[in-house]
Amino acid sequence: MSSHVETMEKTTAKPPIITTPVKQGRRVNGLLLVAAAMLLVALFLPWWQMWMHAPQYPDGLSVQVGIFSVTGDVSEIDDLNHYIGFMPLAAMAPVERHLGTVLAPLIVLLVGLASLLGGRWKWLALPAVALPVFLVVDLAWWLWYAGHHLNPYAALSTSVAPWTPHLFGPGGVGQFHTFAMFGAGFWLSAAAALLMIVALVRTEGSGHA
């Protein structure tokens, strides 16, 4: 009797769900396609922004840095920076901003191609994974450089010691209190990078190049 029951259980048991390489590939391609769309939207959003407040500016001043532009109260901030010898905002990262207008869309295109071609072409998405990391490192370096290379001939250069404007969080110089944070474009690109990492890990784990 027991052997009969065991036979019945074996015949009625559900077979294990096996993910075929084809299904796995489609899921990976889908992740990359979503990541490409997220990154495309991120290109048109601010990646970093800063607010400045002082008694003479009760409404504050702000600047937003994106892939294609630097917007906000740029002229007013540059006029204030001129007195302490801080370089104009447009003079910071000139090579990166110039190349970014071409390379950033190209990186999005590479992710889109990776999602369509599949296989070993998925590694075309790798530059996009590094993009938000590069932004943080490059921006941190330029903030340090600008704050430590003040124009010694500026009117108030002797009243301000070299400093590094904060990349994130509260800071300040003189009468100004600042607050900096990463914008929606950066966070969206970081989320896209996470999706691409998951896709690449799944590709590697499936044993398909």
Protein backbone atom coordinates (compact mmCIF):
# COMPACT_ATOMS: atom_id res chain seq x y z
CA MET A 1 0.00 0.00 0.00
CA SER A 2 2.77 2.39 0.95
CA SER A 3 4.58 1.70 -2.31
CA HIS A 4 1.39 2.49 -4.20
CA VAL A 5 1.05 5.84 -2.40
CA GLU A 6 4.69 6.67 -3.11
CA THR A 7 4.12 5.90 -6.78
CA MET A 8 1.06 8.16 -6.85
CA GLU A 9 3.04 11.00 -5.20
CA LYS A 10 5.81 10.67 -7.75
CA THR A 11 3.40 10.78 -10.66
CA THR A 12 1.44 13.78 -9.31
CA ALA A 13 4.44 15.81 -8.14
CA LYS A 14 5.00 19.02 -10.10
CA PRO A 15 8.23 19.15 -12.10
CA PRO A 16 10.76 21.75 -10.95
CA ILE A 17 10.67 25.10 -12.70
CA ILE A 18 13.76 25.43 -14.85
CA THR A 19 14.77 28.74 -16.34
CA THR A 20 16.00 28.09 -19.84
CA PRO A 21 18.88 30.08 -21.32
CA VAL A 22 16.41 31.71 -23.69
CA LYS A 23 14.21 32.98 -20.86
CA GLN A 24 17.26 34.07 -18.88
CA GLY A 25 18.54 35.99 -21.89
CA ARG A 26 15.20 37.74 -22.35
CA ARG A 27 15.14 38.81 -18.72
CA VAL A 28 18.66 40.18 -18.95
CA ASN A 29 17.83 42.03 -22.17
CA GLY A 30 14.73 43.47 -20.51
CA LEU A 31 16.75 44.76 -17.56
CA LEU A 32 19.22 46.43 -19.91
CA LEU A 33 16.43 48.00 -21.95
CA VAL A 34 14.84 49.47 -18.83
CA ALA A 35 18.26 50.73 -17.69
CA ALA A 36 18.82 52.41 -21.07
CA ALA A 37 15.47 54.20 -20.81
CA MET A 38 16.24 55.36 -17.26
CA LEU A 39 19.66 56.63 -18.30
CA LEU A 40 18.19 58.48 -21.28
CA VAL A 41 15.78 60.35 -19.01
CA ALA A 42 18.62 61.05 -16.55
CA LEU A 43 20.57 62.95 -19.22
CA PHE A 44 17.97 65.74 -19.14
CA LEU A 45 17.78 66.08 -15.34
CA PRO A 46 20.10 67.83 -12.84
CA TRP A 47 22.90 65.58 -11.56
CA TRP A 48 24.14 67.89 -8.80
CA GLN A 49 22.80 71.04 -7.21
CA MET A 50 23.75 73.55 -4.54
CA TRP A 51 21.94 76.27 -2.62
CA MET A 52 23.54 79.33 -1.02
CA HIS A 53 22.01 81.52 1.70
CA ALA A 54 23.27 84.74 3.27
CA PRO A 55 21.70 87.77 5.02
CA GLN A 56 21.92 89.82 1.82
CA TYR A 57 20.27 86.98 -0.14
CA PRO A 58 17.24 85.96 1.95
CA ASP A 59 15.74 84.04 -0.99
CA GLY A 60 19.04 82.27 -1.59
CA LEU A 61 20.93 81.40 -4.75
CA SER A 62 21.11 78.04 -6.47
CA VAL A 63 22.92 76.24 -9.26
CA GLN A 64 22.04 72.99 -11.03
CA VAL A 65 24.64 70.96 -12.90
CA GLY A 66 23.53 68.59 -15.65
CA ILE A 67 25.14 66.67 -18.47
CA PHE A 68 24.34 69.35 -21.04
CA SER A 69 24.18 72.57 -19.02
CA VAL A 70 24.80 74.52 -15.83
CA THR A 71 21.70 76.50 -14.87
CA GLY A 72 20.40 78.63 -12.03
CA ASP A 73 21.86 81.84 -10.59
CA VAL A 74 25.14 81.26 -12.39
CA SER A 75 25.96 84.91 -13.18
CA GLU A 76 25.23 86.09 -9.65
CA ILE A 77 27.29 83.31 -8.10
CA ASP A 78 30.18 83.98 -10.49
CA ASP A 79 30.12 87.68 -9.53
CA LEU A 80 30.37 86.76 -5.85
CA ASN A 81 33.08 84.18 -6.49
CA HIS A 82 35.08 86.80 -8.39
CA TYR A 83 35.70 88.75 -5.17
CA ILE A 84 37.34 85.78 -3.46
CA GLY A 85 39.16 84.52 -6.55
CA PHE A 86 37.04 81.39 -7.09
CA MET A 87 36.96 80.38 -10.76
CA PRO A 88 33.77 80.87 -12.82
CA LEU A 89 31.49 77.85 -12.82
CA ALA A 90 31.76 77.54 -16.61
CA ALA A 91 35.54 77.18 -16.27
CA MET A 92 35.23 74.03 -14.17
CA ALA A 93 35.53 70.66 -15.95
CA PRO A 94 35.63 72.15 -19.47
CA VAL A 95 36.86 68.95 -21.14
CA GLU A 96 34.40 66.72 -19.30
CA ARG A 97 31.43 68.96 -20.10
CA HIS A 98 32.42 69.24 -23.76
CA LEU A 99 32.93 65.50 -24.21
CA GLY A 100 29.88 64.68 -22.12
CA THR A 101 27.49 66.13 -24.68
CA VAL A 102 28.71 63.46 -27.11
CA LEU A 103 29.82 60.58 -24.89
CA ALA A 104 26.77 60.50 -22.61
CA PRO A 105 24.27 59.87 -25.45
CA LEU A 106 26.75 57.38 -26.92
CA ILE A 107 26.83 55.49 -23.61
CA VAL A 108 23.02 55.31 -23.61
CA LEU A 109 23.16 54.00 -27.17
CA LEU A 110 25.63 51.30 -26.12
CA VAL A 111 23.26 50.12 -23.39
CA GLY A 112 20.42 50.01 -25.92
CA LEU A 113 22.55 47.97 -28.32
CA ALA A 114 23.52 45.62 -25.49
CA SER A 115 19.83 44.97 -24.78
CA LEU A 116 19.11 44.23 -28.46
CA LEU A 117 22.17 42.20 -29.42
CA GLY A 118 22.50 40.12 -26.25
CA GLY A 119 25.22 37.56 -25.66
CA ARG A 120 28.70 38.94 -25.16
CA TRP A 121 27.49 42.31 -26.45
CA LYS A 122 25.91 42.89 -23.05
CA TRP A 123 29.31 44.11 -21.85
CA LEU A 124 28.75 47.23 -23.94
CA ALA A 125 26.76 48.45 -20.94
CA LEU A 126 29.86 48.54 -18.74
CA PRO A 127 30.73 52.24 -19.37
CA ALA A 128 27.25 53.21 -18.21
CA VAL A 129 27.84 51.41 -14.90
CA ALA A 130 30.91 53.58 -14.31
CA LEU A 131 29.19 56.86 -15.28
CA PRO A 132 27.73 57.87 -11.87
CA VAL A 133 30.97 56.85 -10.14
CA PHE A 134 32.98 58.99 -12.54
CA LEU A 135 30.70 61.96 -11.89
CA VAL A 136 31.26 61.79 -8.13
CA VAL A 137 35.04 61.46 -8.44
CA ASP A 138 35.41 64.15 -11.10
CA LEU A 139 33.13 66.65 -9.37
CA ALA A 140 34.86 66.11 -6.01
CA TRP A 141 38.23 66.76 -7.65
CA TRP A 142 37.09 69.95 -9.35
CA LEU A 143 35.54 71.30 -6.14
CA TRP A 144 38.83 70.70 -4.37
CA TYR A 145 40.85 72.23 -7.23
CA ALA A 146 38.71 75.37 -7.47
CA GLY A 147 38.75 75.90 -3.70
CA HIS A 148 42.52 75.46 -3.45
CA HIS A 149 43.50 77.54 -6.49
CA LEU A 150 41.97 80.90 -5.66
CA ASN A 151 43.14 83.91 -7.63
CA PRO A 152 45.64 85.67 -5.34
CA TYR A 153 44.88 89.02 -6.99
CA ALA A 154 41.17 88.94 -6.17
CA ALA A 155 39.83 91.76 -3.99
CA LEU A 156 39.06 89.56 -0.98
CA SER A 157 41.57 86.77 -1.61
CA THR A 158 43.37 87.36 1.70
CA SER A 159 40.15 87.03 3.71
CA VAL A 160 39.36 83.50 2.53
CA ALA A 161 41.56 80.51 3.21
CA PRO A 162 41.64 77.65 0.69
CA TRP A 163 38.77 75.24 1.26
CA THR A 164 36.81 72.52 -0.51
CA PRO A 165 33.12 73.22 -1.19
CA HIS A 166 31.01 70.34 0.06
CA LEU A 167 30.02 67.74 -2.48
CA PHE A 168 27.09 66.67 -0.32
CA GLY A 169 25.42 68.19 2.70
CA PRO A 170 25.80 71.52 4.51
CA GLY A 171 28.84 73.74 4.19
CA GLY A 172 29.73 77.37 3.87
CA VAL A 173 32.25 80.12 3.30
CA GLY A 174 32.21 83.61 4.78
CA GLN A 175 28.64 84.74 5.37
CA PHE A 176 27.24 82.11 3.06
CA HIS A 177 25.74 78.85 4.20
CA THR A 178 25.50 76.20 1.50
CA PHE A 179 23.78 72.89 1.00
CA ALA A 180 24.70 70.52 -1.80
CA MET A 181 23.10 67.28 -2.95
CA PHE A 182 22.95 64.97 -5.94
CA GLY A 183 20.06 65.55 -8.29
CA ALA A 184 17.44 63.29 -9.81
CA GLY A 185 19.63 62.59 -12.84
CA PHE A 186 22.39 61.13 -10.69
CA TRP A 187 20.06 58.92 -8.66
CA LEU A 188 18.32 57.69 -11.79
CA SER A 189 21.67 56.84 -13.38
CA ALA A 190 22.74 55.06 -10.20
CA ALA A 191 19.54 52.98 -10.25
CA ALA A 192 20.17 52.19 -13.93
CA ALA A 193 23.73 51.14 -13.07
CA LEU A 194 22.38 48.78 -10.41
CA LEU A 195 20.03 47.18 -12.94
CA MET A 196 22.91 46.76 -15.38
CA ILE A 197 25.07 45.13 -12.70
CA VAL A 198 22.26 42.64 -12.00
CA ALA A 199 21.96 41.94 -15.74
CA LEU A 200 25.70 41.40 -16.17
CA VAL A 201 25.90 39.15 -13.11
CA ARG A 202 23.03 37.05 -14.43
CA THR A 203 24.79 36.81 -17.79
CA GLU A 204 27.98 35.62 -16.12
CA GLY A 205 26.11 33.24 -13.81
CA SER A 206 24.23 31.62 -16.68
CA GLY A 207 27.50 30.61 -18.29
CA HIS A 208 26.77 32.40 -21.56
CA ALA A 209 29.31 34.95 -22.84
